Amino acid sequence: MTTSPILSVFTTISLRAFLAPSRIATHVLAHEDANPGLAHRVAVIGAGTLDSLPHKGAVVTLLAVCNSTHREGYMDIVMVSIVGGLLALAVVIVLGSAVGSF
């Protein structure tokens, strides 16, 4: 089973962002078939999607500063950072695959 190099970059970077305690520096994987500009954009957006999970320090701090609980405020964070980031990522992958790096 072969996968797209761009999806491989997204998966790897998102998993690293999920496991790290804070936003990580993204490293674009060297794939022969991947456009380096597009792979970098996908990696940067991918690092920001799963980086907003409830156990991250920035989320806990934001909710504390706003005097809110996870139950009250986390759905807004999910919609803005995770869902919005995944939608932006889908647009970048579709446009990047159709027209190349932009």
N, C-alpha and C. Protein backbone atom coordinates (compact mmCIF):
# COMPACT_ATOMS: atom_id res chain seq x y z
N MET A 1 0.85 -1.17 0.00
CA MET A 1 0.00 0.00 0.00
C MET A 1 0.89 1.24 0.00
N THR A 2 0.74 2.07 -0.99
CA THR A 2 1.53 3.30 -1.05
C THR A 2 0.67 4.47 -0.61
N THR A 3 1.30 5.39 0.08
CA THR A 3 0.58 6.60 0.51
C THR A 3 1.24 7.81 -0.11
N SER A 4 0.50 8.88 -0.13
CA SER A 4 1.02 10.13 -0.65
C SER A 4 2.11 10.65 0.29
N PRO A 5 3.21 11.16 -0.25
CA PRO A 5 4.25 11.72 0.62
C PRO A 5 3.74 12.89 1.45
N ILE A 6 2.81 13.67 0.91
CA ILE A 6 2.26 14.81 1.65
C ILE A 6 1.45 14.32 2.84
N LEU A 7 0.64 13.27 2.67
CA LEU A 7 -0.12 12.73 3.79
C LEU A 7 0.81 12.09 4.82
N SER A 8 1.90 11.53 4.37
CA SER A 8 2.89 10.97 5.30
C SER A 8 3.51 12.06 6.15
N VAL A 9 3.82 13.20 5.54
CA VAL A 9 4.37 14.33 6.29
C VAL A 9 3.35 14.81 7.33
N PHE A 10 2.10 14.97 6.91
CA PHE A 10 1.06 15.42 7.83
C PHE A 10 0.90 14.45 9.00
N THR A 11 0.83 13.17 8.73
CA THR A 11 0.64 12.18 9.79
C THR A 11 1.79 12.19 10.77
N THR A 12 3.00 12.22 10.28
CA THR A 12 4.17 12.20 11.15
C THR A 12 4.24 13.45 12.02
N ILE A 13 4.04 14.60 11.43
CA ILE A 13 4.13 15.85 12.18
C ILE A 13 2.99 15.97 13.17
N SER A 14 1.78 15.58 12.78
CA SER A 14 0.65 15.65 13.71
C SER A 14 0.85 14.73 14.91
N LEU A 15 1.35 13.54 14.67
CA LEU A 15 1.60 12.63 15.78
C LEU A 15 2.69 13.18 16.70
N ARG A 16 3.71 13.79 16.14
CA ARG A 16 4.75 14.39 16.97
C ARG A 16 4.19 15.55 17.78
N ALA A 17 3.32 16.34 17.19
CA ALA A 17 2.71 17.45 17.91
C ALA A 17 1.79 16.93 19.01
N PHE A 18 1.14 15.81 18.76
CA PHE A 18 0.25 15.20 19.74
C PHE A 18 1.04 14.71 20.96
N LEU A 19 2.21 14.16 20.73
CA LEU A 19 2.99 13.56 21.81
C LEU A 19 3.86 14.57 22.57
N ALA A 20 4.21 15.66 21.93
CA ALA A 20 5.10 16.64 22.57
C ALA A 20 4.32 17.50 23.56
N PRO A 21 4.99 18.00 24.61
CA PRO A 21 4.29 18.82 25.59
C PRO A 21 3.93 20.22 25.09
N SER A 22 4.53 20.69 24.06
CA SER A 22 4.19 21.99 23.49
C SER A 22 4.47 21.94 21.99
N ARG A 23 4.15 23.03 21.31
CA ARG A 23 4.34 23.05 19.85
C ARG A 23 5.79 22.77 19.51
N ILE A 24 6.00 21.88 18.59
CA ILE A 24 7.34 21.46 18.23
C ILE A 24 7.80 22.18 16.98
N ALA A 25 9.09 22.21 16.81
CA ALA A 25 9.63 22.71 15.55
C ALA A 25 9.37 21.64 14.50
N THR A 26 8.85 22.04 13.35
CA THR A 26 8.53 21.05 12.32
C THR A 26 9.75 20.77 11.47
N HIS A 27 9.90 19.53 11.15
CA HIS A 27 10.98 19.08 10.28
C HIS A 27 10.34 18.38 9.09
N VAL A 28 10.56 18.91 7.93
CA VAL A 28 9.98 18.32 6.74
C VAL A 28 10.79 17.09 6.37
N LEU A 29 10.09 15.99 6.20
CA LEU A 29 10.74 14.75 5.84
C LEU A 29 11.14 14.80 4.38
N ALA A 30 12.28 14.22 4.10
CA ALA A 30 12.77 14.22 2.73
C ALA A 30 12.11 13.08 1.96
N HIS A 31 11.21 13.42 1.09
CA HIS A 31 10.57 12.46 0.20
C HIS A 31 10.93 12.87 -1.22
N GLU A 32 11.26 11.87 -2.03
CA GLU A 32 11.63 12.17 -3.40
C GLU A 32 10.47 12.78 -4.18
N ASP A 33 9.26 12.28 -3.92
CA ASP A 33 8.12 12.71 -4.72
C ASP A 33 7.43 13.96 -4.18
N ALA A 34 7.78 14.39 -2.99
CA ALA A 34 7.07 15.51 -2.36
C ALA A 34 7.65 16.85 -2.81
N ASN A 35 6.77 17.78 -3.07
CA ASN A 35 7.17 19.15 -3.35
C ASN A 35 7.61 19.77 -2.02
N PRO A 36 8.86 20.24 -1.89
CA PRO A 36 9.33 20.73 -0.60
C PRO A 36 8.51 21.90 -0.04
N GLY A 37 8.07 22.81 -0.89
CA GLY A 37 7.27 23.94 -0.43
C GLY A 37 5.93 23.50 0.12
N LEU A 38 5.27 22.60 -0.60
CA LEU A 38 3.98 22.08 -0.16
C LEU A 38 4.14 21.23 1.09
N ALA A 39 5.18 20.41 1.15
CA ALA A 39 5.42 19.57 2.32
C ALA A 39 5.66 20.42 3.56
N HIS A 40 6.34 21.54 3.40
CA HIS A 40 6.58 22.43 4.54
C HIS A 40 5.27 23.05 5.03
N ARG A 41 4.43 23.50 4.10
CA ARG A 41 3.15 24.08 4.49
C ARG A 41 2.28 23.06 5.22
N VAL A 42 2.24 21.84 4.70
CA VAL A 42 1.45 20.78 5.33
C VAL A 42 2.00 20.46 6.71
N ALA A 43 3.32 20.43 6.85
CA ALA A 43 3.94 20.13 8.15
C ALA A 43 3.63 21.21 9.18
N VAL A 44 3.68 22.46 8.77
CA VAL A 44 3.41 23.56 9.71
C VAL A 44 1.94 23.56 10.14
N ILE A 45 1.03 23.38 9.20
CA ILE A 45 -0.39 23.34 9.56
C ILE A 45 -0.68 22.09 10.38
N GLY A 46 -0.08 20.97 10.01
CA GLY A 46 -0.29 19.73 10.75
C GLY A 46 0.20 19.82 12.19
N ALA A 47 1.26 20.56 12.42
CA ALA A 47 1.78 20.71 13.79
C ALA A 47 0.82 21.49 14.66
N GLY A 48 0.00 22.32 14.07
CA GLY A 48 -0.92 23.12 14.86
C GLY A 48 -2.27 22.48 15.11
N THR A 49 -2.58 21.37 14.43
CA THR A 49 -3.91 20.79 14.59
C THR A 49 -4.03 20.01 15.90
N LEU A 50 -3.28 18.96 16.06
CA LEU A 50 -3.37 18.15 17.27
C LEU A 50 -2.60 18.74 18.43
N ASP A 51 -2.03 19.91 18.24
CA ASP A 51 -1.31 20.59 19.31
C ASP A 51 -2.27 21.24 20.31
N SER A 52 -3.55 21.24 20.03
CA SER A 52 -4.54 21.90 20.88
C SER A 52 -5.39 20.91 21.67
N LEU A 53 -4.86 19.76 21.94
CA LEU A 53 -5.60 18.77 22.72
C LEU A 53 -5.65 19.19 24.18
N PRO A 54 -6.59 18.65 24.96
CA PRO A 54 -6.84 19.16 26.31
C PRO A 54 -5.68 19.05 27.29
N HIS A 55 -4.74 18.16 27.05
CA HIS A 55 -3.65 17.98 28.00
C HIS A 55 -2.47 18.93 27.75
N LYS A 56 -2.55 19.77 26.75
CA LYS A 56 -1.46 20.69 26.44
C LYS A 56 -1.46 21.88 27.40
N GLY A 57 -0.27 22.30 27.76
CA GLY A 57 -0.13 23.39 28.72
C GLY A 57 -0.75 24.69 28.28
N ALA A 58 -0.66 25.00 27.00
CA ALA A 58 -1.22 26.26 26.50
C ALA A 58 -2.75 26.27 26.63
N VAL A 59 -3.38 25.13 26.41
CA VAL A 59 -4.84 25.04 26.54
C VAL A 59 -5.24 25.21 28.00
N VAL A 60 -4.53 24.54 28.90
CA VAL A 60 -4.83 24.64 30.33
C VAL A 60 -4.64 26.09 30.80
N THR A 61 -3.56 26.72 30.36
CA THR A 61 -3.29 28.11 30.74
C THR A 61 -4.35 29.05 30.19
N LEU A 62 -4.72 28.88 28.92
CA LEU A 62 -5.74 29.73 28.31
C LEU A 62 -7.07 29.62 29.05
N LEU A 63 -7.45 28.42 29.38
CA LEU A 63 -8.72 28.24 30.10
C LEU A 63 -8.65 28.83 31.50
N ALA A 64 -7.49 28.72 32.15
CA ALA A 64 -7.34 29.29 33.49
C ALA A 64 -7.38 30.81 33.44
N VAL A 65 -6.72 31.40 32.46
CA VAL A 65 -6.71 32.86 32.34
C VAL A 65 -8.11 33.38 32.04
N CYS A 66 -8.86 32.63 31.25
CA CYS A 66 -10.24 33.03 30.91
C CYS A 66 -11.24 32.64 31.99
N ASN A 67 -10.75 32.07 33.07
CA ASN A 67 -11.60 31.65 34.18
C ASN A 67 -12.70 30.72 33.70
N SER A 68 -12.29 29.71 32.93
CA SER A 68 -13.23 28.77 32.34
C SER A 68 -12.77 27.35 32.64
N THR A 69 -13.69 26.41 32.56
CA THR A 69 -13.33 25.00 32.74
C THR A 69 -13.20 24.35 31.36
N HIS A 70 -12.63 23.15 31.34
CA HIS A 70 -12.55 22.42 30.09
C HIS A 70 -13.95 22.17 29.52
N ARG A 71 -14.87 21.84 30.37
CA ARG A 71 -16.23 21.55 29.91
C ARG A 71 -16.87 22.78 29.25
N GLU A 72 -16.63 23.96 29.80
CA GLU A 72 -17.24 25.18 29.27
C GLU A 72 -16.55 25.70 28.01
N GLY A 73 -15.23 25.66 27.98
CA GLY A 73 -14.51 26.37 26.93
C GLY A 73 -13.78 25.54 25.90
N TYR A 74 -13.64 24.24 26.12
CA TYR A 74 -12.79 23.48 25.21
C TYR A 74 -13.41 23.28 23.83
N MET A 75 -14.73 23.21 23.73
CA MET A 75 -15.35 23.02 22.41
C MET A 75 -15.05 24.18 21.48
N ASP A 76 -14.97 25.39 22.01
CA ASP A 76 -14.60 26.55 21.18
C ASP A 76 -13.17 26.41 20.68
N ILE A 77 -12.28 25.93 21.54
CA ILE A 77 -10.88 25.72 21.14
C ILE A 77 -10.80 24.66 20.06
N VAL A 78 -11.57 23.60 20.20
CA VAL A 78 -11.59 22.52 19.19
C VAL A 78 -12.04 23.06 17.84
N MET A 79 -13.11 23.83 17.84
CA MET A 79 -13.65 24.33 16.58
C MET A 79 -12.68 25.27 15.88
N VAL A 80 -12.02 26.14 16.65
CA VAL A 80 -11.12 27.11 16.04
C VAL A 80 -9.80 26.48 15.63
N SER A 81 -9.17 25.76 16.54
CA SER A 81 -7.81 25.30 16.25
C SER A 81 -7.75 23.95 15.55
N ILE A 82 -8.55 22.98 15.96
CA ILE A 82 -8.43 21.65 15.36
C ILE A 82 -9.26 21.56 14.08
N VAL A 83 -10.56 21.86 14.16
CA VAL A 83 -11.42 21.75 12.97
C VAL A 83 -11.00 22.78 11.92
N GLY A 84 -10.77 24.01 12.34
CA GLY A 84 -10.32 25.03 11.39
C GLY A 84 -8.99 24.69 10.76
N GLY A 85 -8.08 24.15 11.56
CA GLY A 85 -6.78 23.74 11.03
C GLY A 85 -6.88 22.59 10.05
N LEU A 86 -7.74 21.62 10.34
CA LEU A 86 -7.93 20.50 9.41
C LEU A 86 -8.59 20.94 8.11
N LEU A 87 -9.52 21.88 8.20
CA LEU A 87 -10.13 22.42 6.96
C LEU A 87 -9.10 23.17 6.13
N ALA A 88 -8.29 23.99 6.79
CA ALA A 88 -7.23 24.71 6.07
C ALA A 88 -6.23 23.72 5.46
N LEU A 89 -5.93 22.68 6.19
CA LEU A 89 -5.01 21.67 5.68
C LEU A 89 -5.57 20.98 4.45
N ALA A 90 -6.87 20.66 4.47
CA ALA A 90 -7.49 20.02 3.30
C ALA A 90 -7.42 20.94 2.09
N VAL A 91 -7.67 22.22 2.29
CA VAL A 91 -7.60 23.18 1.18
C VAL A 91 -6.18 23.26 0.64
N VAL A 92 -5.19 23.32 1.53
CA VAL A 92 -3.79 23.41 1.09
C VAL A 92 -3.38 22.16 0.33
N ILE A 93 -3.78 20.99 0.81
CA ILE A 93 -3.41 19.75 0.11
C ILE A 93 -4.08 19.67 -1.26
N VAL A 94 -5.36 20.03 -1.34
CA VAL A 94 -6.06 19.97 -2.64
C VAL A 94 -5.46 20.98 -3.61
N LEU A 95 -5.30 22.22 -3.17
CA LEU A 95 -4.72 23.23 -4.07
C LEU A 95 -3.27 22.91 -4.42
N GLY A 96 -2.51 22.47 -3.42
CA GLY A 96 -1.12 22.15 -3.68
C GLY A 96 -0.95 20.97 -4.63
N SER A 97 -1.83 19.98 -4.53
CA SER A 97 -1.77 18.84 -5.44
C SER A 97 -2.22 19.23 -6.84
N ALA A 98 -3.15 20.17 -6.93
CA ALA A 98 -3.67 20.58 -8.23
C ALA A 98 -2.74 21.53 -8.96
N VAL A 99 -2.18 22.50 -8.26
CA VAL A 99 -1.39 23.53 -8.93
C VAL A 99 0.07 23.56 -8.50
N GLY A 100 0.47 22.69 -7.59
CA GLY A 100 1.84 22.70 -7.12
C GLY A 100 1.97 23.67 -5.95
N SER A 101 3.20 24.00 -5.64
CA SER A 101 3.44 24.93 -4.53
C SER A 101 2.96 26.31 -4.90
N PHE A 102 2.33 26.97 -3.98
CA PHE A 102 1.79 28.30 -4.25
C PHE A 102 2.21 29.27 -3.19
